[in-house]
Amino acid sequence: MDSTYDKLYKLIMVSENAVGKSNLLRRFTGDSFDPVHNETIGIEFGCKIVEEDGKKIKLVIWDTASQKSFRSIVRSYYRKSAGIILTYDITNQDSFDQLENRLEDVRLESPEASIVVCGNKSDLETERVITAEQGMKFAENYGASFIETSAKNNILVDELFILLTRLIIQKEKV
């Protein structure tokens, strides 16, 4: 293993289109935000080393395409993932309604993965159509954790990835 880190975790970001998962990845790995939406084609990824539980952990984060035409391709990337970030846009009902379908796809390939449900775009509070309570309830129903973020304003983005890292570590200790 590379001497610059002690562990490596593969994380997958899953969602419907245009919820901001690429910007969450950019914000976490490079502290940048792109206001122009460009759809992810296939797969993109980023890496970052974090310190948690006294260890340096390399997070390899895969941002998967949302379009139906890519779903069969991206499913293969779900395999052996330690953690899943299931993201929706708090201003987009359809992105929330599709979470269950996306979760089923992920669980088929990585049934043991730790999962965080992430409501993104919390900076658009006046346009909100999904309450935090709805997001929490969905997460609880599926044994997942929950957080709301804003990639644009860098609100709780680092905390999202640290939360998932801690969940993975906890699961390994059991």
N, C-alpha and C. Protein backbone atom coordinates (compact mmCIF):
# COMPACT_ATOMS: atom_id res chain seq x y z
N MET A 1 0.85 -1.19 0.00
CA MET A 1 0.00 0.00 0.00
C MET A 1 0.89 1.24 0.00
N ASP A 2 0.43 2.28 -0.62
CA ASP A 2 1.13 3.56 -0.67
C ASP A 2 1.42 4.04 0.75
N SER A 3 2.64 4.52 0.98
CA SER A 3 3.03 4.93 2.33
C SER A 3 2.39 6.25 2.76
N THR A 4 1.72 6.94 1.86
CA THR A 4 1.10 8.22 2.22
C THR A 4 -0.26 8.06 2.89
N TYR A 5 -0.79 6.83 2.91
CA TYR A 5 -2.06 6.60 3.58
C TYR A 5 -2.10 5.18 4.14
N ASP A 6 -2.96 4.99 5.15
CA ASP A 6 -3.08 3.70 5.83
C ASP A 6 -4.20 2.84 5.27
N LYS A 7 -5.26 3.47 4.78
CA LYS A 7 -6.43 2.75 4.25
C LYS A 7 -6.93 3.47 3.02
N LEU A 8 -7.66 2.72 2.20
CA LEU A 8 -8.28 3.29 1.02
C LEU A 8 -9.74 2.86 1.00
N TYR A 9 -10.64 3.82 0.81
CA TYR A 9 -12.07 3.53 0.71
C TYR A 9 -12.59 4.02 -0.64
N LYS A 10 -13.35 3.17 -1.29
CA LYS A 10 -14.02 3.54 -2.54
C LYS A 10 -15.42 4.02 -2.18
N LEU A 11 -15.72 5.26 -2.58
CA LEU A 11 -17.03 5.86 -2.36
C LEU A 11 -17.70 6.12 -3.71
N ILE A 12 -19.00 5.96 -3.75
CA ILE A 12 -19.76 6.20 -4.98
C ILE A 12 -20.82 7.26 -4.70
N MET A 13 -20.93 8.21 -5.62
CA MET A 13 -21.97 9.23 -5.55
C MET A 13 -23.04 8.89 -6.58
N VAL A 14 -24.29 8.78 -6.12
CA VAL A 14 -25.40 8.33 -6.96
C VAL A 14 -26.55 9.32 -6.83
N SER A 15 -27.20 9.62 -7.96
CA SER A 15 -28.34 10.53 -7.92
C SER A 15 -29.01 10.58 -9.28
N GLU A 16 -30.06 11.34 -9.34
CA GLU A 16 -30.65 11.73 -10.61
C GLU A 16 -29.81 12.89 -11.15
N ASN A 17 -30.16 13.35 -12.33
CA ASN A 17 -29.42 14.40 -13.00
C ASN A 17 -29.59 15.77 -12.32
N ALA A 18 -28.53 16.56 -12.34
CA ALA A 18 -28.56 17.98 -11.95
C ALA A 18 -28.85 18.24 -10.48
N VAL A 19 -28.41 17.35 -9.60
CA VAL A 19 -28.61 17.59 -8.17
C VAL A 19 -27.38 18.22 -7.51
N GLY A 20 -26.26 18.28 -8.25
CA GLY A 20 -25.07 18.92 -7.72
C GLY A 20 -24.01 17.98 -7.17
N LYS A 21 -24.08 16.69 -7.49
CA LYS A 21 -23.09 15.78 -6.91
C LYS A 21 -21.69 16.04 -7.46
N SER A 22 -21.57 16.44 -8.72
CA SER A 22 -20.24 16.76 -9.27
C SER A 22 -19.63 17.95 -8.54
N ASN A 23 -20.47 18.94 -8.20
CA ASN A 23 -19.96 20.09 -7.45
C ASN A 23 -19.64 19.72 -6.01
N LEU A 24 -20.36 18.78 -5.42
CA LEU A 24 -19.98 18.29 -4.09
C LEU A 24 -18.59 17.67 -4.14
N LEU A 25 -18.35 16.87 -5.17
CA LEU A 25 -17.03 16.25 -5.34
C LEU A 25 -15.96 17.31 -5.56
N ARG A 26 -16.22 18.26 -6.45
CA ARG A 26 -15.24 19.33 -6.71
C ARG A 26 -14.95 20.15 -5.46
N ARG A 27 -15.99 20.46 -4.70
CA ARG A 27 -15.82 21.27 -3.50
C ARG A 27 -14.97 20.52 -2.48
N PHE A 28 -15.23 19.23 -2.31
CA PHE A 28 -14.51 18.45 -1.31
C PHE A 28 -13.06 18.20 -1.72
N THR A 29 -12.82 17.89 -2.97
CA THR A 29 -11.46 17.52 -3.39
C THR A 29 -10.62 18.71 -3.83
N GLY A 30 -11.25 19.80 -4.26
CA GLY A 30 -10.46 20.92 -4.75
C GLY A 30 -10.96 22.28 -4.34
N ASP A 31 -11.96 22.32 -3.48
CA ASP A 31 -12.59 23.55 -3.00
C ASP A 31 -12.97 24.48 -4.16
N SER A 32 -13.62 23.89 -5.17
CA SER A 32 -14.11 24.70 -6.28
C SER A 32 -15.58 24.41 -6.53
N PHE A 33 -16.22 25.31 -7.25
CA PHE A 33 -17.64 25.19 -7.59
C PHE A 33 -17.82 25.72 -9.00
N ASP A 34 -18.53 24.98 -9.84
CA ASP A 34 -18.80 25.40 -11.21
C ASP A 34 -20.29 25.68 -11.35
N PRO A 35 -20.68 26.95 -11.49
CA PRO A 35 -22.11 27.28 -11.57
C PRO A 35 -22.79 26.80 -12.86
N VAL A 36 -22.00 26.46 -13.87
CA VAL A 36 -22.55 25.97 -15.13
C VAL A 36 -22.70 24.46 -15.04
N HIS A 37 -23.92 23.97 -15.25
CA HIS A 37 -24.17 22.53 -15.14
C HIS A 37 -23.74 21.81 -16.42
N ASN A 38 -22.78 20.91 -16.27
CA ASN A 38 -22.37 20.02 -17.36
C ASN A 38 -22.62 18.60 -16.88
N GLU A 39 -23.43 17.86 -17.61
CA GLU A 39 -23.76 16.50 -17.19
C GLU A 39 -22.52 15.63 -17.17
N THR A 40 -22.45 14.78 -16.14
CA THR A 40 -21.38 13.80 -16.08
C THR A 40 -21.65 12.75 -17.15
N ILE A 41 -20.65 12.48 -17.96
CA ILE A 41 -20.74 11.45 -18.99
C ILE A 41 -19.93 10.26 -18.50
N GLY A 42 -20.61 9.16 -18.24
CA GLY A 42 -19.92 7.97 -17.74
C GLY A 42 -19.57 8.12 -16.28
N ILE A 43 -18.27 8.24 -16.01
CA ILE A 43 -17.78 8.29 -14.63
C ILE A 43 -16.70 9.36 -14.51
N GLU A 44 -16.73 10.10 -13.43
CA GLU A 44 -15.62 10.99 -13.06
C GLU A 44 -15.21 10.60 -11.66
N PHE A 45 -13.99 10.95 -11.27
CA PHE A 45 -13.60 10.64 -9.90
C PHE A 45 -12.63 11.67 -9.35
N GLY A 46 -12.53 11.67 -8.03
CA GLY A 46 -11.59 12.52 -7.33
C GLY A 46 -11.08 11.78 -6.12
N CYS A 47 -9.97 12.25 -5.58
CA CYS A 47 -9.36 11.61 -4.40
C CYS A 47 -9.01 12.68 -3.37
N LYS A 48 -9.04 12.26 -2.13
CA LYS A 48 -8.59 13.14 -1.05
C LYS A 48 -8.21 12.27 0.13
N ILE A 49 -7.14 12.65 0.80
CA ILE A 49 -6.72 11.94 2.01
C ILE A 49 -7.23 12.72 3.21
N VAL A 50 -7.90 11.99 4.11
CA VAL A 50 -8.42 12.58 5.34
C VAL A 50 -7.82 11.83 6.51
N GLU A 51 -7.78 12.46 7.67
CA GLU A 51 -7.34 11.79 8.88
C GLU A 51 -8.55 11.50 9.75
N GLU A 52 -8.69 10.25 10.12
CA GLU A 52 -9.81 9.83 10.94
C GLU A 52 -9.39 8.61 11.74
N ASP A 53 -9.78 8.58 13.00
CA ASP A 53 -9.49 7.44 13.86
C ASP A 53 -7.98 7.15 13.93
N GLY A 54 -7.18 8.22 13.89
CA GLY A 54 -5.73 8.09 13.98
C GLY A 54 -5.06 7.54 12.74
N LYS A 55 -5.77 7.49 11.63
CA LYS A 55 -5.21 6.94 10.39
C LYS A 55 -5.43 7.92 9.23
N LYS A 56 -4.51 7.84 8.27
CA LYS A 56 -4.68 8.58 7.02
C LYS A 56 -5.46 7.68 6.07
N ILE A 57 -6.60 8.19 5.63
CA ILE A 57 -7.50 7.40 4.79
C ILE A 57 -7.64 8.10 3.44
N LYS A 58 -7.33 7.35 2.39
CA LYS A 58 -7.51 7.88 1.04
C LYS A 58 -8.93 7.55 0.58
N LEU A 59 -9.68 8.58 0.25
CA LEU A 59 -11.02 8.42 -0.29
C LEU A 59 -10.95 8.55 -1.80
N VAL A 60 -11.34 7.51 -2.50
CA VAL A 60 -11.45 7.54 -3.96
C VAL A 60 -12.94 7.62 -4.25
N ILE A 61 -13.37 8.76 -4.77
CA ILE A 61 -14.79 9.08 -4.89
C ILE A 61 -15.20 9.08 -6.36
N TRP A 62 -16.13 8.20 -6.68
CA TRP A 62 -16.61 8.05 -8.06
C TRP A 62 -17.94 8.79 -8.20
N ASP A 63 -17.99 9.69 -9.16
CA ASP A 63 -19.19 10.46 -9.49
C ASP A 63 -19.80 9.80 -10.72
N THR A 64 -20.94 9.16 -10.56
CA THR A 64 -21.53 8.37 -11.64
C THR A 64 -22.53 9.19 -12.46
N ALA A 65 -22.59 8.88 -13.75
CA ALA A 65 -23.55 9.54 -14.63
C ALA A 65 -24.97 9.19 -14.20
N SER A 66 -25.86 10.13 -14.35
CA SER A 66 -27.24 9.95 -13.91
C SER A 66 -28.18 9.47 -15.01
N GLN A 67 -27.81 9.69 -16.25
CA GLN A 67 -28.71 9.37 -17.35
C GLN A 67 -28.97 7.87 -17.43
N LYS A 68 -30.19 7.52 -17.78
CA LYS A 68 -30.59 6.11 -17.88
C LYS A 68 -29.70 5.34 -18.85
N SER A 69 -29.25 5.99 -19.91
CA SER A 69 -28.44 5.30 -20.92
C SER A 69 -27.10 4.82 -20.36
N PHE A 70 -26.65 5.39 -19.24
CA PHE A 70 -25.37 5.00 -18.64
C PHE A 70 -25.53 4.05 -17.45
N ARG A 71 -26.75 3.80 -17.02
CA ARG A 71 -26.95 3.06 -15.76
C ARG A 71 -26.33 1.68 -15.77
N SER A 72 -26.45 0.94 -16.87
CA SER A 72 -25.88 -0.41 -16.89
C SER A 72 -24.36 -0.34 -16.81
N ILE A 73 -23.76 0.69 -17.37
CA ILE A 73 -22.31 0.84 -17.32
C ILE A 73 -21.86 1.21 -15.90
N VAL A 74 -22.53 2.17 -15.30
CA VAL A 74 -22.07 2.65 -13.99
C VAL A 74 -22.34 1.65 -12.87
N ARG A 75 -23.29 0.75 -13.07
CA ARG A 75 -23.56 -0.25 -12.03
C ARG A 75 -22.32 -1.06 -11.70
N SER A 76 -21.50 -1.34 -12.70
CA SER A 76 -20.28 -2.12 -12.44
C SER A 76 -19.33 -1.38 -11.50
N TYR A 77 -19.40 -0.06 -11.47
CA TYR A 77 -18.55 0.72 -10.57
C TYR A 77 -19.03 0.66 -9.13
N TYR A 78 -20.29 0.28 -8.92
CA TYR A 78 -20.83 0.18 -7.57
C TYR A 78 -20.19 -0.95 -6.77
N ARG A 79 -19.71 -1.99 -7.47
CA ARG A 79 -19.20 -3.18 -6.79
C ARG A 79 -18.06 -2.84 -5.84
N LYS A 80 -18.12 -3.47 -4.68
CA LYS A 80 -17.09 -3.35 -3.64
C LYS A 80 -16.88 -1.92 -3.17
N SER A 81 -17.94 -1.14 -3.19
CA SER A 81 -17.86 0.21 -2.64
C SER A 81 -18.03 0.14 -1.13
N ALA A 82 -17.21 0.89 -0.42
CA ALA A 82 -17.32 0.94 1.04
C ALA A 82 -18.44 1.88 1.46
N GLY A 83 -18.69 2.91 0.64
CA GLY A 83 -19.69 3.89 1.02
C GLY A 83 -20.40 4.48 -0.18
N ILE A 84 -21.65 4.87 0.05
CA ILE A 84 -22.50 5.44 -0.99
C ILE A 84 -23.05 6.78 -0.50
N ILE A 85 -22.97 7.79 -1.37
CA ILE A 85 -23.63 9.06 -1.11
C ILE A 85 -24.80 9.14 -2.09
N LEU A 86 -25.99 9.03 -1.55
CA LEU A 86 -27.23 9.04 -2.33
C LEU A 86 -27.78 10.46 -2.25
N THR A 87 -27.69 11.20 -3.35
CA THR A 87 -27.93 12.65 -3.33
C THR A 87 -29.22 13.03 -4.06
N TYR A 88 -29.91 14.03 -3.50
CA TYR A 88 -31.05 14.63 -4.17
C TYR A 88 -30.97 16.14 -4.01
N ASP A 89 -31.73 16.84 -4.82
CA ASP A 89 -31.81 18.30 -4.81
C ASP A 89 -33.06 18.68 -4.00
N ILE A 90 -32.89 19.46 -2.95
CA ILE A 90 -34.03 19.79 -2.08
C ILE A 90 -35.10 20.60 -2.80
N THR A 91 -34.79 21.10 -4.00
CA THR A 91 -35.77 21.87 -4.77
C THR A 91 -36.40 21.06 -5.90
N ASN A 92 -36.10 19.76 -5.96
CA ASN A 92 -36.54 18.93 -7.08
C ASN A 92 -37.20 17.65 -6.57
N GLN A 93 -38.52 17.62 -6.62
CA GLN A 93 -39.27 16.47 -6.10
C GLN A 93 -38.89 15.16 -6.79
N ASP A 94 -38.72 15.19 -8.11
CA ASP A 94 -38.39 13.97 -8.85
C ASP A 94 -37.06 13.37 -8.39
N SER A 95 -36.09 14.22 -8.09
CA SER A 95 -34.79 13.70 -7.63
C SER A 95 -34.94 12.95 -6.31
N PHE A 96 -35.86 13.40 -5.48
CA PHE A 96 -36.14 12.72 -4.21
C PHE A 96 -36.95 11.45 -4.45
N ASP A 97 -37.94 11.53 -5.32
CA ASP A 97 -38.80 10.38 -5.60
C ASP A 97 -38.03 9.20 -6.19
N GLN A 98 -36.94 9.47 -6.87
CA GLN A 98 -36.16 8.41 -7.51
C GLN A 98 -35.11 7.78 -6.59
N LEU A 99 -34.97 8.28 -5.37
CA LEU A 99 -33.94 7.76 -4.46
C LEU A 99 -34.08 6.26 -4.23
N GLU A 100 -35.29 5.80 -4.03
CA GLU A 100 -35.49 4.38 -3.74
C GLU A 100 -34.98 3.50 -4.89
N ASN A 101 -35.26 3.89 -6.13
CA ASN A 101 -34.78 3.13 -7.28
C ASN A 101 -33.26 3.12 -7.34
N ARG A 102 -32.65 4.26 -7.10
CA ARG A 102 -31.19 4.36 -7.14
C ARG A 102 -30.58 3.53 -6.01
N LEU A 103 -31.21 3.55 -4.85
CA LEU A 103 -30.73 2.77 -3.71
C LEU A 103 -30.79 1.27 -4.01
N GLU A 104 -31.85 0.82 -4.65
CA GLU A 104 -31.96 -0.60 -5.02
C GLU A 104 -30.82 -1.01 -5.93
N ASP A 105 -30.49 -0.18 -6.93
CA ASP A 105 -29.37 -0.47 -7.83
C ASP A 105 -28.07 -0.65 -7.05
N VAL A 106 -27.82 0.27 -6.14
CA VAL A 106 -26.59 0.25 -5.36
C VAL A 106 -26.52 -0.97 -4.46
N ARG A 107 -27.60 -1.26 -3.78
CA ARG A 107 -27.60 -2.38 -2.83
C ARG A 107 -27.43 -3.73 -3.52
N LEU A 108 -27.83 -3.84 -4.77
CA LEU A 108 -27.60 -5.08 -5.52
C LEU A 108 -26.12 -5.36 -5.69
N GLU A 109 -25.34 -4.31 -5.90
CA GLU A 109 -23.91 -4.45 -6.16
C GLU A 109 -23.04 -4.32 -4.92
N SER A 110 -23.47 -3.56 -3.94
CA SER A 110 -22.70 -3.32 -2.71
C SER A 110 -23.62 -3.38 -1.50
N PRO A 111 -24.11 -4.57 -1.16
CA PRO A 111 -25.10 -4.67 -0.08
C PRO A 111 -24.57 -4.27 1.30
N GLU A 112 -23.26 -4.31 1.50
CA GLU A 112 -22.69 -3.99 2.81
C GLU A 112 -22.22 -2.54 2.94
N ALA A 113 -22.36 -1.76 1.88
CA ALA A 113 -21.85 -0.39 1.89
C ALA A 113 -22.60 0.48 2.90
N SER A 114 -21.87 1.37 3.54
CA SER A 114 -22.48 2.40 4.39
C SER A 114 -23.08 3.46 3.48
N ILE A 115 -24.21 4.03 3.91
CA ILE A 115 -24.93 4.97 3.04
C ILE A 115 -25.27 6.25 3.78
N VAL A 116 -25.04 7.38 3.09
CA VAL A 116 -25.51 8.68 3.57
C VAL A 116 -26.44 9.25 2.51
N VAL A 117 -27.62 9.63 2.93
CA VAL A 117 -28.57 10.34 2.07
C VAL A 117 -28.26 11.83 2.23
N CYS A 118 -28.04 12.50 1.10
CA CYS A 118 -27.62 13.89 1.12
C CYS A 118 -28.60 14.76 0.35
N GLY A 119 -29.24 15.69 1.06
CA GLY A 119 -30.07 16.70 0.42
C GLY A 119 -29.19 17.88 0.08
N ASN A 120 -28.94 18.12 -1.20
CA ASN A 120 -28.04 19.18 -1.62
C ASN A 120 -28.83 20.44 -2.02
N LYS A 121 -28.12 21.54 -2.12
CA LYS A 121 -28.65 22.86 -2.50
C LYS A 121 -29.42 23.50 -1.35
N SER A 122 -28.93 23.32 -0.13
CA SER A 122 -29.59 23.92 1.03
C SER A 122 -29.54 25.45 0.99
N ASP A 123 -28.73 26.01 0.12
CA ASP A 123 -28.69 27.46 -0.05
C ASP A 123 -29.95 27.98 -0.75
N LEU A 124 -30.74 27.09 -1.33
CA LEU A 124 -31.97 27.48 -2.03
C LEU A 124 -33.20 27.25 -1.16
N GLU A 125 -33.11 27.65 0.08
CA GLU A 125 -34.16 27.41 1.07
C GLU A 125 -35.54 27.90 0.61
N THR A 126 -35.59 29.05 -0.04
CA THR A 126 -36.90 29.59 -0.46
C THR A 126 -37.53 28.78 -1.59
N GLU A 127 -36.75 27.93 -2.25
CA GLU A 127 -37.26 27.09 -3.34
C GLU A 127 -37.46 25.65 -2.90
N ARG A 128 -37.22 25.37 -1.64
CA ARG A 128 -37.28 24.01 -1.10
C ARG A 128 -38.65 23.38 -1.31
N VAL A 129 -38.65 22.11 -1.77
CA VAL A 129 -39.89 21.34 -1.86
C VAL A 129 -39.80 20.05 -1.04
N ILE A 130 -38.60 19.66 -0.64
CA ILE A 130 -38.39 18.48 0.21
C ILE A 130 -37.91 18.98 1.57
N THR A 131 -38.65 18.68 2.62
CA THR A 131 -38.23 19.11 3.96
C THR A 131 -37.08 18.24 4.45
N ALA A 132 -36.34 18.78 5.40
CA ALA A 132 -35.28 17.99 6.03
C ALA A 132 -35.87 16.76 6.70
N GLU A 133 -37.05 16.91 7.27
CA GLU A 133 -37.71 15.78 7.94
C GLU A 133 -38.00 14.65 6.96
N GLN A 134 -38.42 14.99 5.73
CA GLN A 134 -38.66 13.96 4.72
C GLN A 134 -37.37 13.23 4.37
N GLY A 135 -36.29 13.97 4.23
CA GLY A 135 -35.00 13.36 3.94
C GLY A 135 -34.55 12.44 5.06
N MET A 136 -34.70 12.92 6.31
CA MET A 136 -34.33 12.11 7.48
C MET A 136 -35.15 10.83 7.55
N LYS A 137 -36.44 10.96 7.31
CA LYS A 137 -37.32 9.79 7.39
C LYS A 137 -36.94 8.76 6.33
N PHE A 138 -36.66 9.21 5.12
CA PHE A 138 -36.23 8.29 4.07
C PHE A 138 -34.95 7.56 4.51
N ALA A 139 -33.98 8.32 5.00
CA ALA A 139 -32.72 7.72 5.44
C ALA A 139 -32.96 6.70 6.54
N GLU A 140 -33.75 7.06 7.54
CA GLU A 140 -34.05 6.14 8.65
C GLU A 140 -34.71 4.86 8.15
N ASN A 141 -35.64 4.98 7.22
CA ASN A 141 -36.34 3.81 6.69
C ASN A 141 -35.41 2.82 6.00
N TYR A 142 -34.27 3.30 5.53
CA TYR A 142 -33.34 2.44 4.80
C TYR A 142 -32.02 2.23 5.55
N GLY A 143 -32.00 2.57 6.82
CA GLY A 143 -30.80 2.34 7.62
C GLY A 143 -29.62 3.19 7.21
N ALA A 144 -29.89 4.37 6.71
CA ALA A 144 -28.84 5.27 6.25
C ALA A 144 -28.76 6.49 7.17
N SER A 145 -27.68 7.22 7.06
CA SER A 145 -27.54 8.50 7.76
C SER A 145 -28.01 9.61 6.82
N PHE A 146 -28.16 10.82 7.37
CA PHE A 146 -28.71 11.93 6.60
C PHE A 146 -27.95 13.22 6.89
N ILE A 147 -27.80 14.04 5.85
CA ILE A 147 -27.20 15.36 5.98
C ILE A 147 -27.72 16.25 4.85
N GLU A 148 -27.79 17.55 5.09
CA GLU A 148 -28.09 18.50 4.02
C GLU A 148 -26.85 19.36 3.79
N THR A 149 -26.58 19.65 2.52
CA THR A 149 -25.37 20.38 2.14
C THR A 149 -25.69 21.48 1.13
N SER A 150 -24.71 22.34 0.94
CA SER A 150 -24.72 23.28 -0.18
C SER A 150 -23.31 23.27 -0.77
N ALA A 151 -23.18 22.70 -1.96
CA ALA A 151 -21.88 22.73 -2.63
C ALA A 151 -21.53 24.18 -2.99
N LYS A 152 -22.53 24.95 -3.39
CA LYS A 152 -22.31 26.34 -3.79
C LYS A 152 -21.70 27.15 -2.65
N ASN A 153 -22.28 27.07 -1.47
CA ASN A 153 -21.81 27.86 -0.32
C ASN A 153 -20.89 27.09 0.61
N ASN A 154 -20.49 25.90 0.21
CA ASN A 154 -19.59 25.05 0.99
C ASN A 154 -20.12 24.82 2.41
N ILE A 155 -21.39 24.45 2.49
CA ILE A 155 -22.02 24.17 3.78
C ILE A 155 -22.08 22.67 4.00
N LEU A 156 -21.39 22.21 5.02
CA LEU A 156 -21.38 20.81 5.46
C LEU A 156 -20.87 19.82 4.41
N VAL A 157 -20.10 20.30 3.43
CA VAL A 157 -19.57 19.40 2.40
C VAL A 157 -18.51 18.48 2.99
N ASP A 158 -17.51 19.04 3.68
CA ASP A 158 -16.50 18.18 4.31
C ASP A 158 -17.15 17.22 5.30
N GLU A 159 -18.13 17.73 6.04
CA GLU A 159 -18.81 16.91 7.05
C GLU A 159 -19.53 15.71 6.41
N LEU A 160 -20.06 15.89 5.21
CA LEU A 160 -20.69 14.79 4.48
C LEU A 160 -19.72 13.63 4.30
N PHE A 161 -18.54 13.93 3.80
CA PHE A 161 -17.56 12.88 3.51
C PHE A 161 -16.96 12.30 4.80
N ILE A 162 -16.78 13.14 5.80
CA ILE A 162 -16.28 12.64 7.09
C ILE A 162 -17.32 11.74 7.75
N LEU A 163 -18.59 12.12 7.69
CA LEU A 163 -19.66 11.28 8.23
C LEU A 163 -19.63 9.90 7.60
N LEU A 164 -19.53 9.84 6.28
CA LEU A 164 -19.50 8.54 5.60
C LEU A 164 -18.25 7.76 5.97
N THR A 165 -17.13 8.43 6.06
CA THR A 165 -15.88 7.76 6.46
C THR A 165 -16.02 7.15 7.85
N ARG A 166 -16.60 7.90 8.78
CA ARG A 166 -16.80 7.38 10.14
C ARG A 166 -17.75 6.18 10.17
N LEU A 167 -18.79 6.22 9.35
CA LEU A 167 -19.71 5.09 9.28
C LEU A 167 -19.00 3.83 8.78
N ILE A 168 -18.14 4.00 7.80
CA ILE A 168 -17.38 2.86 7.26
C ILE A 168 -16.46 2.29 8.33
N ILE A 169 -15.76 3.17 9.04
CA ILE A 169 -14.85 2.73 10.11
C ILE A 169 -15.63 1.98 11.18
N GLN A 170 -16.78 2.52 11.59
CA GLN A 170 -17.62 1.85 12.60
C GLN A 170 -18.02 0.46 12.15
N LYS A 171 -18.41 0.33 10.90
CA LYS A 171 -18.85 -0.96 10.36
C LYS A 171 -17.69 -1.96 10.36
N GLU A 172 -16.49 -1.48 10.07
CA GLU A 172 -15.31 -2.37 10.06
C GLU A 172 -14.98 -2.88 11.46
N LYS A 173 -15.29 -2.09 12.47
CA LYS A 173 -14.96 -2.47 13.85
C LYS A 173 -15.91 -3.52 14.41
N VAL A 174 -17.06 -3.68 13.79
CA VAL A 174 -18.07 -4.63 14.29
C VAL A 174 -17.69 -6.05 13.90
